[in-house]
C-alpha atoms as a PDB file:
ATOM      1  CA  MET A   1     103.602 -86.086  90.782  1.00  0.00           C
ATOM      2  CA  LEU A   2     103.476 -82.549  89.406  1.00  0.00           C
ATOM      3  CA  LEU A   3     102.337 -83.232  85.852  1.00  0.00           C
ATOM      4  CA  PRO A   4      98.689 -84.189  86.622  1.00  0.00           C
ATOM      5  CA  ARG A   5      98.413 -81.124  88.878  1.00  0.00           C
ATOM      6  CA  LEU A   6      99.786 -78.908  86.098  1.00  0.00           C
ATOM      7  CA  LYS A   7      97.305 -80.389  83.623  1.00  0.00           C
ATOM      8  CA  GLN A   8      94.472 -79.708  86.060  1.00  0.00           C
ATOM      9  CA  ALA A   9      95.636 -76.099  86.548  1.00  0.00           C
ATOM     10  CA  ASN A  10      95.715 -75.601  82.777  1.00  0.00           C
ATOM     11  CA  SER A  11      92.255 -77.130  82.499  1.00  0.00           C
ATOM     12  CA  ILE A  12      90.872 -74.714  85.089  1.00  0.00           C
ATOM     13  CA  ILE A  13      92.440 -71.714  83.350  1.00  0.00           C
ATOM     14  CA  THR A  14      91.034 -72.989  80.046  1.00  0.00           C
ATOM     15  CA  THR A  15      87.586 -73.230  81.670  1.00  0.00           C
ATOM     16  CA  ILE A  16      87.840 -69.693  83.061  1.00  0.00           C
ATOM     17  CA  ASN A  17      89.064 -68.353  79.698  1.00  0.00           C
ATOM     18  CA  TYR A  18      86.175 -70.054  77.908  1.00  0.00           C
ATOM     19  CA  ALA A  19      83.631 -68.614  80.349  1.00  0.00           C
ATOM     20  CA  VAL A  20      85.182 -65.155  79.986  1.00  0.00           C
ATOM     21  CA  SER A  21      85.080 -65.351  76.187  1.00  0.00           C
ATOM     22  CA  HIS A  22      81.323 -65.985  76.463  1.00  0.00           C
ATOM     23  CA  GLN A  23      80.801 -63.587  79.399  1.00  0.00           C
ATOM     24  CA  ARG A  24      79.503 -66.405  81.601  1.00  0.00           C
ATOM     25  CA  ALA A  25      79.812 -67.204  85.272  1.00  0.00           C
ATOM     26  CA  ILE A  26      81.078 -70.623  86.371  1.00  0.00           C
ATOM     27  CA  PHE A  27      79.514 -73.008  88.852  1.00  0.00           C
ATOM     28  CA  THR A  28      81.861 -75.583  90.402  1.00  0.00           C
ATOM     29  CA  HIS A  29      82.327 -77.866  93.378  1.00  0.00           C
ATOM     30  CA  ASN A  30      86.116 -77.591  93.012  1.00  0.00           C
ATOM     31  CA  ARG A  31      86.666 -74.901  95.626  1.00  0.00           C
ATOM     32  CA  ALA A  32      90.375 -75.364  96.327  1.00  0.00           C
ATOM     33  CA  ASP A  33      91.585 -75.158  92.744  1.00  0.00           C
ATOM     34  CA  PHE A  34      89.146 -72.552  91.417  1.00  0.00           C
ATOM     35  CA  GLU A  35      89.797 -70.180  94.333  1.00  0.00           C
ATOM     36  CA  VAL A  36      93.532 -70.221  93.642  1.00  0.00           C
ATOM     37  CA  ARG A  37      93.175 -69.826  89.866  1.00  0.00           C
ATOM     38  CA  ALA A  38      90.548 -67.078  90.165  1.00  0.00           C
ATOM     39  CA  LEU A  39      92.774 -65.089  92.521  1.00  0.00           C
ATOM     40  CA  GLU A  40      95.714 -65.512  90.134  1.00  0.00           C
ATOM     41  CA  TYR A  41      93.490 -64.455  87.240  1.00  0.00           C
ATOM     42  CA  PHE A  42      92.356 -61.346  89.095  1.00  0.00           C
ATOM     43  CA  ALA A  43      95.917 -60.517  90.265  1.00  0.00           C
ATOM     44  CA  ALA A  44      97.014 -60.601  86.621  1.00  0.00           C
ATOM     45  CA  GLY A  45      94.515 -57.810  85.943  1.00  0.00           C
ATOM     46  CA  LYS A  46      92.091 -60.043  84.066  1.00  0.00           C
ATOM     47  CA  THR A  47      88.332 -59.927  84.465  1.00  0.00           C
ATOM     48  CA  HIS A  48      86.085 -62.930  84.956  1.00  0.00           C
ATOM     49  CA  TYR A  49      82.303 -62.970  85.139  1.00  0.00           C
ATOM     50  CA  GLY A  50      81.901 -64.704  88.446  1.00  0.00           C
ATOM     51  CA  ILE A  51      82.573 -68.041  90.048  1.00  0.00           C
ATOM     52  CA  ILE A  52      79.940 -69.752  92.159  1.00  0.00           C
ATOM     53  CA  ILE A  53      81.334 -72.453  94.412  1.00  0.00           C
ATOM     54  CA  GLY A  54      78.933 -75.039  95.748  1.00  0.00           C
ATOM     55  CA  THR A  55      79.344 -77.519  98.523  1.00  0.00           C
ATOM     56  CA  ARG A  56      78.087 -81.061  98.102  1.00  0.00           C
ATOM     57  CA  ARG A  57      74.375 -80.769  98.744  1.00  0.00           C
ATOM     58  CA  PRO A  58      71.265 -82.361  97.270  1.00  0.00           C
ATOM     59  CA  PRO A  59      70.615 -81.103  93.721  1.00  0.00           C
ATOM     60  CA  TYR A  60      67.308 -79.434  94.619  1.00  0.00           C
ATOM     61  CA  GLU A  61      69.034 -77.432  97.363  1.00  0.00           C
ATOM     62  CA  LEU A  62      71.800 -76.302  95.006  1.00  0.00           C
ATOM     63  CA  ALA A  63      69.167 -75.312  92.447  1.00  0.00           C
ATOM     64  CA  GLN A  64      67.339 -73.217  95.064  1.00  0.00           C
ATOM     65  CA  ARG A  65      70.579 -71.496  96.075  1.00  0.00           C
ATOM     66  CA  LEU A  66      71.542 -70.830  92.457  1.00  0.00           C
ATOM     67  CA  LEU A  67      68.108 -69.376  91.760  1.00  0.00           C
ATOM     68  CA  ARG A  68      68.499 -67.090  94.751  1.00  0.00           C
ATOM     69  CA  ILE A  69      71.755 -65.745  93.297  1.00  0.00           C
ATOM     70  CA  LEU A  70      70.222 -65.367  89.826  1.00  0.00           C
ATOM     71  CA  ASN A  71      67.245 -63.479  91.229  1.00  0.00           C
ATOM     72  CA  GLN A  72      69.204 -61.215  93.585  1.00  0.00           C
ATOM     73  CA  THR A  73      72.465 -60.534  91.737  1.00  0.00           C
ATOM     74  CA  THR A  74      72.968 -58.773  88.419  1.00  0.00           C
ATOM     75  CA  ALA A  75      75.574 -59.882  85.897  1.00  0.00           C
ATOM     76  CA  ASP A  76      77.527 -56.677  86.595  1.00  0.00           C
ATOM     77  CA  GLU A  77      77.575 -57.473  90.320  1.00  0.00           C
ATOM     78  CA  MET A  78      79.070 -60.911  89.610  1.00  0.00           C
ATOM     79  CA  VAL A  79      82.113 -59.561  87.760  1.00  0.00           C
ATOM     80  CA  ASN A  80      85.305 -60.678  89.546  1.00  0.00           C
ATOM     81  CA  GLN A  81      83.277 -62.155  92.412  1.00  0.00           C
ATOM     82  CA  MET A  82      83.276 -65.558  94.027  1.00  0.00           C
ATOM     83  CA  GLN A  83      80.128 -66.636  95.793  1.00  0.00           C
ATOM     84  CA  TYR A  84      79.719 -69.681  97.984  1.00  0.00           C
ATOM     85  CA  ILE A  85      76.510 -71.649  98.185  1.00  0.00           C
END
């Protein structure tokens, strides 16, 4: 059924637009959908402030990986980037 998929796509774009309006990066586990939407967003000439995609890992491990990115990457370096942790 296409309708739930369309609603999810709109929700992801809404999430990206919200993050952009606040100049924030996004952290998600939803790799498949966010990769596609971020590439479409970038292809449309729009800027986002970074998407961090995490695999399912223990919370403490994700926190360590996120801290590594925060400590080693500037906000300017995250613009239009996707990072995988």
